């Protein structure tokens, strides 16, 4: 396999990066979504810990309050990048 020539603008070389983030989605040069899914999992787990705290059996909120919180905190994060999940390789 051959190496690609460097990209230039004028006399300035454009650096190559393995990963880049565009509109909240992490793109990798190997076309793997593993980094994006790991970041997504960490973000959802942080939001889930908030919901667990708010759902305490004695002092917590009821289902009518928790469901909209779930939809706004977790479901919205998962729905944003939904089309790419089918392209991710199996673990």
PDB file of N, CA and C in Angstrom:
ATOM      1  N   UNK A   1       0.845  -1.176   0.000  1.00  0.00           N
ATOM      2  CA  UNK A   1       0.000   0.000   0.000  1.00  0.00           C
ATOM      3  C   UNK A   1       0.891   1.240   0.000  1.00  0.00           C
ATOM      4  N   UNK A   2       0.458   2.259  -0.632  1.00  0.00           N
ATOM      5  CA  UNK A   2       1.256   3.470  -0.758  1.00  0.00           C
ATOM      6  C   UNK A   2       0.756   4.545   0.222  1.00  0.00           C
ATOM      7  N   UNK A   3       1.638   5.474   0.546  1.00  0.00           N
ATOM      8  CA  UNK A   3       1.283   6.563   1.459  1.00  0.00           C
ATOM      9  C   UNK A   3       0.682   7.712   0.664  1.00  0.00           C
ATOM     10  N   UNK A   4      -0.319   8.320   1.223  1.00  0.00           N
ATOM     11  CA  UNK A   4      -0.944   9.469   0.578  1.00  0.00           C
ATOM     12  C   UNK A   4      -0.053  10.692   0.709  1.00  0.00           C
ATOM     13  N   UNK A   5      -0.028  11.542  -0.295  1.00  0.00           N
ATOM     14  CA  UNK A   5       0.778  12.760  -0.172  1.00  0.00           C
ATOM     15  C   UNK A   5       0.162  13.703   0.853  1.00  0.00           C
ATOM     16  N   UNK A   6       0.959  14.553   1.472  1.00  0.00           N
ATOM     17  CA  UNK A   6       0.424  15.477   2.472  1.00  0.00           C
ATOM     18  C   UNK A   6      -0.504  16.505   1.829  1.00  0.00           C
ATOM     19  N   UNK A   7      -1.512  16.913   2.566  1.00  0.00           N
ATOM     20  CA  UNK A   7      -2.431  17.957   2.107  1.00  0.00           C
ATOM     21  C   UNK A   7      -1.862  19.314   2.488  1.00  0.00           C
ATOM     22  N   UNK A   8      -1.911  20.247   1.548  1.00  0.00           N
ATOM     23  CA  UNK A   8      -1.339  21.565   1.772  1.00  0.00           C
ATOM     24  C   UNK A   8      -2.356  22.646   1.425  1.00  0.00           C
ATOM     25  N   UNK A   9      -2.323  23.715   2.188  1.00  0.00           N
ATOM     26  CA  UNK A   9      -3.017  24.952   1.836  1.00  0.00           C
ATOM     27  C   UNK A   9      -1.911  25.998   1.748  1.00  0.00           C
ATOM     28  N   UNK A  10      -1.638  26.418   0.524  1.00  0.00           N
ATOM     29  CA  UNK A  10      -0.474  27.282   0.327  1.00  0.00           C
ATOM     30  C   UNK A  10       0.764  26.460   0.626  1.00  0.00           C
ATOM     31  N   UNK A  11       1.591  26.938   1.555  1.00  0.00           N
ATOM     32  CA  UNK A  11       2.764  26.184   1.988  1.00  0.00           C
ATOM     33  C   UNK A  11       2.570  25.542   3.350  1.00  0.00           C
ATOM     34  N   UNK A  12       1.349  25.599   3.876  1.00  0.00           N
ATOM     35  CA  UNK A  12       1.079  25.058   5.202  1.00  0.00           C
ATOM     36  C   UNK A  12       0.472  23.664   5.097  1.00  0.00           C
ATOM     37  N   UNK A  13       1.051  22.764   5.835  1.00  0.00           N
ATOM     38  CA  UNK A  13       0.590  21.378   5.832  1.00  0.00           C
ATOM     39  C   UNK A  13      -0.625  21.239   6.752  1.00  0.00           C
ATOM     40  N   UNK A  14      -1.629  20.503   6.293  1.00  0.00           N
ATOM     41  CA  UNK A  14      -2.819  20.232   7.098  1.00  0.00           C
ATOM     42  C   UNK A  14      -2.546  18.966   7.900  1.00  0.00           C
ATOM     43  N   UNK A  15      -2.617  19.036   9.227  1.00  0.00           N
ATOM     44  CA  UNK A  15      -2.312  17.849  10.028  1.00  0.00           C
ATOM     45  C   UNK A  15      -3.400  16.781   9.894  1.00  0.00           C
ATOM     46  N   UNK A  16      -2.997  15.530  10.038  1.00  0.00           N
ATOM     47  CA  UNK A  16      -3.928  14.402  10.013  1.00  0.00           C
ATOM     48  C   UNK A  16      -4.182  13.967  11.448  1.00  0.00           C
ATOM     49  N   UNK A  17      -5.433  13.704  11.752  1.00  0.00           N
ATOM     50  CA  UNK A  17      -5.811  13.257  13.089  1.00  0.00           C
ATOM     51  C   UNK A  17      -6.503  11.902  12.994  1.00  0.00           C
ATOM     52  N   UNK A  18      -6.296  11.089  14.003  1.00  0.00           N
ATOM     53  CA  UNK A  18      -6.958   9.786  14.048  1.00  0.00           C
ATOM     54  C   UNK A  18      -8.446   9.941  14.361  1.00  0.00           C
ATOM     55  N   UNK A  19      -8.782  10.897  15.235  1.00  0.00           N
ATOM     56  CA  UNK A  19     -10.175  11.108  15.607  1.00  0.00           C
ATOM     57  C   UNK A  19     -10.500  12.597  15.526  1.00  0.00           C
ATOM     58  N   UNK A  20     -11.759  12.862  15.242  1.00  0.00           N
ATOM     59  CA  UNK A  20     -12.239  14.234  15.242  1.00  0.00           C
ATOM     60  C   UNK A  20     -13.701  14.229  15.643  1.00  0.00           C
ATOM     61  N   UNK A  21     -14.129  15.313  16.236  1.00  0.00           N
ATOM     62  CA  UNK A  21     -15.500  15.422  16.703  1.00  0.00           C
ATOM     63  C   UNK A  21     -16.222  16.476  15.870  1.00  0.00           C
ATOM     64  N   UNK A  22     -17.328  16.059  15.262  1.00  0.00           N
ATOM     65  CA  UNK A  22     -18.122  16.947  14.436  1.00  0.00           C
ATOM     66  C   UNK A  22     -19.577  16.824  14.887  1.00  0.00           C
ATOM     67  N   UNK A  23     -20.164  17.935  15.312  1.00  0.00           N
ATOM     68  CA  UNK A  23     -21.555  17.975  15.762  1.00  0.00           C
ATOM     69  C   UNK A  23     -21.859  16.916  16.813  1.00  0.00           C
ATOM     70  N   UNK A  24     -20.902  16.682  17.699  1.00  0.00           N
ATOM     71  CA  UNK A  24     -21.111  15.749  18.799  1.00  0.00           C
ATOM     72  C   UNK A  24     -20.848  14.301  18.467  1.00  0.00           C
ATOM     73  N   UNK A  25     -20.501  13.989  17.230  1.00  0.00           N
ATOM     74  CA  UNK A  25     -20.196  12.618  16.835  1.00  0.00           C
ATOM     75  C   UNK A  25     -18.689  12.472  16.653  1.00  0.00           C
ATOM     76  N   UNK A  26     -18.124  11.404  17.219  1.00  0.00           N
ATOM     77  CA  UNK A  26     -16.691  11.150  17.110  1.00  0.00           C
ATOM     78  C   UNK A  26     -16.419  10.284  15.891  1.00  0.00           C
ATOM     79  N   UNK A  27     -15.675  10.815  14.927  1.00  0.00           N
ATOM     80  CA  UNK A  27     -15.290  10.084  13.732  1.00  0.00           C
ATOM     81  C   UNK A  27     -13.859   9.610  13.893  1.00  0.00           C
ATOM     82  N   UNK A  28     -13.594   8.372  13.455  1.00  0.00           N
ATOM     83  CA  UNK A  28     -12.252   7.817  13.517  1.00  0.00           C
ATOM     84  C   UNK A  28     -11.779   7.485  12.108  1.00  0.00           C
ATOM     85  N   UNK A  29     -10.470   7.533  11.911  1.00  0.00           N
ATOM     86  CA  UNK A  29      -9.915   7.279  10.580  1.00  0.00           C
ATOM     87  C   UNK A  29     -10.129   5.831  10.140  1.00  0.00           C
ATOM     88  N   UNK A  30     -10.302   4.908  11.076  1.00  0.00           N
ATOM     89  CA  UNK A  30     -10.520   3.497  10.724  1.00  0.00           C
ATOM     90  C   UNK A  30     -12.000   3.188  10.500  1.00  0.00           C
ATOM     91  N   UNK A  31     -12.843   4.205  10.500  1.00  0.00           N
ATOM     92  CA  UNK A  31     -14.291   4.059  10.304  1.00  0.00           C
ATOM     93  C   UNK A  31     -14.917   3.185  11.382  1.00  0.00           C
ATOM     94  N   UNK A  32     -14.412   3.308  12.586  1.00  0.00           N
ATOM     95  CA  UNK A  32     -14.949   2.593  13.729  1.00  0.00           C
ATOM     96  C   UNK A  32     -15.667   3.595  14.624  1.00  0.00           C
ATOM     97  N   UNK A  33     -16.784   3.196  15.161  1.00  0.00           N
ATOM     98  CA  UNK A  33     -17.555   4.078  16.036  1.00  0.00           C
ATOM     99  C   UNK A  33     -17.313   3.755  17.505  1.00  0.00           C
ATOM    100  N   UNK A  34     -16.266   2.998  17.797  1.00  0.00           N
ATOM    101  CA  UNK A  34     -16.015   2.549  19.158  1.00  0.00           C
ATOM    102  C   UNK A  34     -15.811   3.721  20.122  1.00  0.00           C
ATOM    103  N   UNK A  35     -15.024   4.707  19.739  1.00  0.00           N
ATOM    104  CA  UNK A  35     -14.793   5.860  20.614  1.00  0.00           C
ATOM    105  C   UNK A  35     -16.097   6.612  20.875  1.00  0.00           C
ATOM    106  N   UNK A  36     -16.895   6.810  19.831  1.00  0.00           N
ATOM    107  CA  UNK A  36     -18.165   7.526  20.000  1.00  0.00           C
ATOM    108  C   UNK A  36     -19.081   6.767  20.948  1.00  0.00           C
ATOM    109  N   UNK A  37     -19.155   5.458  20.798  1.00  0.00           N
ATOM    110  CA  UNK A  37     -20.045   4.662  21.649  1.00  0.00           C
ATOM    111  C   UNK A  37     -19.541   4.648  23.086  1.00  0.00           C
ATOM    112  N   UNK A  38     -18.231   4.623  23.290  1.00  0.00           N
ATOM    113  CA  UNK A  38     -17.693   4.690  24.656  1.00  0.00           C
ATOM    114  C   UNK A  38     -18.028   6.027  25.311  1.00  0.00           C
ATOM    115  N   UNK A  39     -17.874   7.117  24.559  1.00  0.00           N
ATOM    116  CA  UNK A  39     -18.212   8.441  25.085  1.00  0.00           C
ATOM    117  C   UNK A  39     -19.707   8.537  25.390  1.00  0.00           C
ATOM    118  N   UNK A  40     -20.505   7.968  24.520  1.00  0.00           N
ATOM    119  CA  UNK A  40     -21.954   7.966  24.682  1.00  0.00           C
ATOM    120  C   UNK A  40     -22.356   7.187  25.928  1.00  0.00           C
ATOM    121  N   UNK A  41     -21.744   6.052  26.136  1.00  0.00           N
ATOM    122  CA  UNK A  41     -22.039   5.229  27.305  1.00  0.00           C
ATOM    123  C   UNK A  41     -21.693   5.975  28.590  1.00  0.00           C
ATOM    124  N   UNK A  42     -20.537   6.616  28.617  1.00  0.00           N
ATOM    125  CA  UNK A  42     -20.129   7.361  29.809  1.00  0.00           C
ATOM    126  C   UNK A  42     -21.094   8.512  30.101  1.00  0.00           C
ATOM    127  N   UNK A  43     -21.523   9.206  29.052  1.00  0.00           N
ATOM    128  CA  UNK A  43     -22.454  10.320  29.221  1.00  0.00           C
ATOM    129  C   UNK A  43     -23.808   9.843  29.741  1.00  0.00           C
ATOM    130  N   UNK A  44     -24.281   8.721  29.213  1.00  0.00           N
ATOM    131  CA  UNK A  44     -25.566   8.176  29.661  1.00  0.00           C
ATOM    132  C   UNK A  44     -25.478   7.639  31.084  1.00  0.00           C
ATOM    133  N   UNK A  45     -24.353   7.057  31.443  1.00  0.00           N
ATOM    134  CA  UNK A  45     -24.205   6.549  32.814  1.00  0.00           C
ATOM    135  C   UNK A  45     -24.195   7.684  33.835  1.00  0.00           C
ATOM    136  N   UNK A  46     -23.607   8.827  33.461  1.00  0.00           N
ATOM    137  CA  UNK A  46     -23.651   9.982  34.362  1.00  0.00           C
ATOM    138  C   UNK A  46     -25.089  10.456  34.553  1.00  0.00           C
ATOM    139  N   UNK A  47     -25.851  10.516  33.470  1.00  0.00           N
ATOM    140  CA  UNK A  47     -27.249  10.940  33.569  1.00  0.00           C
ATOM    141  C   UNK A  47     -28.076   9.911  34.332  1.00  0.00           C
ATOM    142  N   UNK A  48     -27.754   8.641  34.150  1.00  0.00           N
ATOM    143  CA  UNK A  48     -28.485   7.588  34.850  1.00  0.00           C
ATOM    144  C   UNK A  48     -28.238   7.642  36.354  1.00  0.00           C
ATOM    145  N   UNK A  49     -27.036   8.021  36.750  1.00  0.00           N
ATOM    146  CA  UNK A  49     -26.763   8.134  38.185  1.00  0.00           C
ATOM    147  C   UNK A  49     -27.594   9.247  38.813  1.00  0.00           C
ATOM    148  N   UNK A  50     -27.854  10.301  38.056  1.00  0.00           N
ATOM    149  CA  UNK A  50     -28.733  11.364  38.549  1.00  0.00           C
ATOM    150  C   UNK A  50     -30.144  10.831  38.731  1.00  0.00           C
ATOM    151  N   UNK A  51     -30.619  10.065  37.757  1.00  0.00           N
ATOM    152  CA  UNK A  51     -31.959   9.494  37.858  1.00  0.00           C
ATOM    153  C   UNK A  51     -32.070   8.505  39.014  1.00  0.00           C
ATOM    154  N   UNK A  52     -31.038   7.724  39.233  1.00  0.00           N
ATOM    155  CA  UNK A  52     -31.053   6.785  40.359  1.00  0.00           C
ATOM    156  C   UNK A  52     -31.163   7.531  41.681  1.00  0.00           C
ATOM    157  N   UNK A  53     -30.452   8.636  41.775  1.00  0.00           N
ATOM    158  CA  UNK A  53     -30.516   9.439  42.996  1.00  0.00           C
ATOM    159  C   UNK A  53     -31.921  10.010  43.188  1.00  0.00           C
ATOM    160  N   UNK A  54     -32.520  10.496  42.117  1.00  0.00           N
ATOM    161  CA  UNK A  54     -33.857  11.093  42.208  1.00  0.00           C
ATOM    162  C   UNK A  54     -34.960  10.060  42.392  1.00  0.00           C
ATOM    163  N   UNK A  55     -34.678   8.797  42.108  1.00  0.00           N
ATOM    164  CA  UNK A  55     -35.692   7.745  42.216  1.00  0.00           C
ATOM    165  C   UNK A  55     -35.611   6.983  43.524  1.00  0.00           C
ATOM    166  N   UNK A  56     -35.049   7.570  44.541  1.00  0.00           N
ATOM    167  CA  UNK A  56     -34.938   6.901  45.837  1.00  0.00           C
ATOM    168  C   UNK A  56     -36.325   6.447  46.285  1.00  0.00           C
ATOM    169  N   UNK A  57     -36.445   5.203  46.805  1.00  0.00           N
ATOM    170  CA  UNK A  57     -37.768   4.668  47.145  1.00  0.00           C
ATOM    171  C   UNK A  57     -38.531   5.473  48.202  1.00  0.00           C
ATOM    172  N   UNK A  58     -37.839   6.106  49.116  1.00  0.00           N
ATOM    173  CA  UNK A  58     -38.531   6.816  50.201  1.00  0.00           C
ATOM    174  C   UNK A  58     -38.683   8.298  49.884  1.00  0.00           C
ATOM    175  N   UNK A  59     -37.606   8.945  49.475  1.00  0.00           N
ATOM    176  CA  UNK A  59     -37.654  10.398  49.287  1.00  0.00           C
ATOM    177  C   UNK A  59     -37.665  10.819  47.817  1.00  0.00           C
ATOM    178  N   UNK A  60     -37.691   9.849  46.895  1.00  0.00           N
ATOM    179  CA  UNK A  60     -37.560  10.169  45.480  1.00  0.00           C
ATOM    180  C   UNK A  60     -38.854  10.588  44.815  1.00  0.00           C
ATOM    181  N   UNK A  61     -38.734  10.918  43.525  1.00  0.00           N
ATOM    182  CA  UNK A  61     -39.873  11.342  42.736  1.00  0.00           C
ATOM    183  C   UNK A  61     -40.659  10.134  42.242  1.00  0.00           C
ATOM    184  N   UNK A  62     -41.872  10.381  41.790  1.00  0.00           N
ATOM    185  CA  UNK A  62     -42.681   9.301  41.243  1.00  0.00           C
ATOM    186  C   UNK A  62     -42.409   9.132  39.749  1.00  0.00           C
ATOM    187  N   UNK A  63     -43.104   8.175  39.144  1.00  0.00           N
ATOM    188  CA  UNK A  63     -42.880   7.830  37.746  1.00  0.00           C
ATOM    189  C   UNK A  63     -43.243   8.964  36.790  1.00  0.00           C
ATOM    190  N   UNK A  64     -44.235   9.765  37.138  1.00  0.00           N
ATOM    191  CA  UNK A  64     -44.652  10.868  36.269  1.00  0.00           C
ATOM    192  C   UNK A  64     -43.554  11.917  36.114  1.00  0.00           C
ATOM    193  N   UNK A  65     -42.739  12.071  37.113  1.00  0.00           N
ATOM    194  CA  UNK A  65     -41.636  13.037  37.056  1.00  0.00           C
ATOM    195  C   UNK A  65     -40.393  12.399  36.432  1.00  0.00           C
ATOM    196  N   UNK A  66     -40.135  11.137  36.754  1.00  0.00           N
ATOM    197  CA  UNK A  66     -38.917  10.478  36.297  1.00  0.00           C
ATOM    198  C   UNK A  66     -38.925  10.175  34.801  1.00  0.00           C
ATOM    199  N   UNK A  67     -40.082   9.848  34.245  1.00  0.00           N
ATOM    200  CA  UNK A  67     -40.138   9.518  32.825  1.00  0.00           C
ATOM    201  C   UNK A  67     -39.744  10.691  31.923  1.00  0.00           C
ATOM    202  N   UNK A  68     -40.268  11.903  32.129  1.00  0.00           N
ATOM    203  CA  UNK A  68     -39.783  13.023  31.305  1.00  0.00           C
ATOM    204  C   UNK A  68     -38.297  13.338  31.528  1.00  0.00           C
ATOM    205  N   UNK A  69     -37.814  13.132  32.740  1.00  0.00           N
ATOM    206  CA  UNK A  69     -36.380  13.330  32.986  1.00  0.00           C
ATOM    207  C   UNK A  69     -35.558  12.318  32.198  1.00  0.00           C
ATOM    208  N   UNK A  70     -35.998  11.072  32.190  1.00  0.00           N
ATOM    209  CA  UNK A  70     -35.308  10.052  31.406  1.00  0.00           C
ATOM    210  C   UNK A  70     -35.306  10.429  29.928  1.00  0.00           C
ATOM    211  N   UNK A  71     -36.449  10.852  29.428  1.00  0.00           N
ATOM    212  CA  UNK A  71     -36.553  11.188  28.009  1.00  0.00           C
ATOM    213  C   UNK A  71     -35.658  12.367  27.637  1.00  0.00           C
ATOM    214  N   UNK A  72     -35.534  13.323  28.534  1.00  0.00           N
ATOM    215  CA  UNK A  72     -34.716  14.495  28.210  1.00  0.00           C
ATOM    216  C   UNK A  72     -33.231  14.276  28.494  1.00  0.00           C
ATOM    217  N   UNK A  73     -32.892  13.485  29.502  1.00  0.00           N
ATOM    218  CA  UNK A  73     -31.485  13.301  29.855  1.00  0.00           C
ATOM    219  C   UNK A  73     -30.814  12.164  29.096  1.00  0.00           C
ATOM    220  N   UNK A  74     -31.488  11.046  28.939  1.00  0.00           N
ATOM    221  CA  UNK A  74     -30.842   9.861  28.371  1.00  0.00           C
ATOM    222  C   UNK A  74     -31.329   9.574  26.957  1.00  0.00           C
ATOM    223  N   UNK A  75     -32.625   9.532  26.788  1.00  0.00           N
ATOM    224  CA  UNK A  75     -33.173   9.151  25.477  1.00  0.00           C
ATOM    225  C   UNK A  75     -32.748  10.126  24.382  1.00  0.00           C
ATOM    226  N   UNK A  76     -32.686  11.403  24.699  1.00  0.00           N
ATOM    227  CA  UNK A  76     -32.271  12.380  23.685  1.00  0.00           C
ATOM    228  C   UNK A  76     -30.823  12.159  23.253  1.00  0.00           C
ATOM    229  N   UNK A  77     -29.964  11.754  24.179  1.00  0.00           N
ATOM    230  CA  UNK A  77     -28.564  11.470  23.854  1.00  0.00           C
ATOM    231  C   UNK A  77     -28.481  10.266  22.925  1.00  0.00           C
ATOM    232  N   UNK A  78     -29.247   9.227  23.226  1.00  0.00           N
ATOM    233  CA  UNK A  78     -29.219   8.015  22.418  1.00  0.00           C
ATOM    234  C   UNK A  78     -29.838   8.225  21.045  1.00  0.00           C
ATOM    235  N   UNK A  79     -30.879   9.010  20.964  1.00  0.00           N
ATOM    236  CA  UNK A  79     -31.561   9.226  19.686  1.00  0.00           C
ATOM    237  C   UNK A  79     -30.753  10.091  18.729  1.00  0.00           C
ATOM    238  N   UNK A  80     -29.887  10.936  19.240  1.00  0.00           N
ATOM    239  CA  UNK A  80     -29.162  11.877  18.387  1.00  0.00           C
ATOM    240  C   UNK A  80     -28.286  11.155  17.364  1.00  0.00           C
ATOM    241  N   UNK A  81     -27.560  10.145  17.769  1.00  0.00           N
ATOM    242  CA  UNK A  81     -26.662   9.452  16.848  1.00  0.00           C
ATOM    243  C   UNK A  81     -27.179   8.106  16.397  1.00  0.00           C
ATOM    244  N   UNK A  82     -28.476   7.902  16.497  1.00  0.00           N
ATOM    245  CA  UNK A  82     -29.064   6.590  16.213  1.00  0.00           C
ATOM    246  C   UNK A  82     -28.722   5.998  14.846  1.00  0.00           C
ATOM    247  N   UNK A  83     -28.690   6.758  13.770  1.00  0.00           N
ATOM    248  CA  UNK A  83     -28.404   6.143  12.460  1.00  0.00           C
ATOM    249  C   UNK A  83     -27.030   5.489  12.362  1.00  0.00           C
ATOM    250  N   UNK A  84     -26.080   5.878  13.184  1.00  0.00           N
ATOM    251  CA  UNK A  84     -24.742   5.311  13.061  1.00  0.00           C
ATOM    252  C   UNK A  84     -24.573   4.023  13.855  1.00  0.00           C
ATOM    253  N   UNK A  85     -25.466   3.717  14.755  1.00  0.00           N
ATOM    254  CA  UNK A  85     -25.271   2.529  15.609  1.00  0.00           C
ATOM    255  C   UNK A  85     -25.279   1.241  14.807  1.00  0.00           C
ATOM    256  N   UNK A  86     -26.042   1.186  13.730  1.00  0.00           N
ATOM    257  CA  UNK A  86     -26.045  -0.007  12.894  1.00  0.00           C
ATOM    258  C   UNK A  86     -24.748  -0.203  12.125  1.00  0.00           C
ATOM    259  N   UNK A  87     -23.984   0.872  11.963  1.00  0.00           N
ATOM    260  CA  UNK A  87     -22.706   0.789  11.248  1.00  0.00           C
ATOM    261  C   UNK A  87     -21.553   0.361  12.153  1.00  0.00           C
ATOM    262  N   UNK A  88     -21.787   0.346  13.446  1.00  0.00           N
ATOM    263  CA  UNK A  88     -20.720   0.001  14.395  1.00  0.00           C
ATOM    264  C   UNK A  88     -20.434  -1.499  14.320  1.00  0.00           C
ATOM    265  N   UNK A  89     -19.146  -1.885  14.413  1.00  0.00           N
ATOM    266  CA  UNK A  89     -18.831  -3.318  14.395  1.00  0.00           C
ATOM    267  C   UNK A  89     -19.282  -3.995  15.686  1.00  0.00           C
ATOM    268  N   UNK A  90     -19.540  -5.276  15.591  1.00  0.00           N
ATOM    269  CA  UNK A  90     -19.940  -6.049  16.774  1.00  0.00           C
ATOM    270  C   UNK A  90     -18.755  -6.153  17.726  1.00  0.00           C
ATOM    271  N   UNK A  91     -19.002  -6.053  19.043  1.00  0.00           N
ATOM    272  CA  UNK A  91     -17.880  -6.144  20.000  1.00  0.00           C
ATOM    273  C   UNK A  91     -17.311  -7.534  20.091  1.00  0.00           C
TER     274      UNK A  91
END
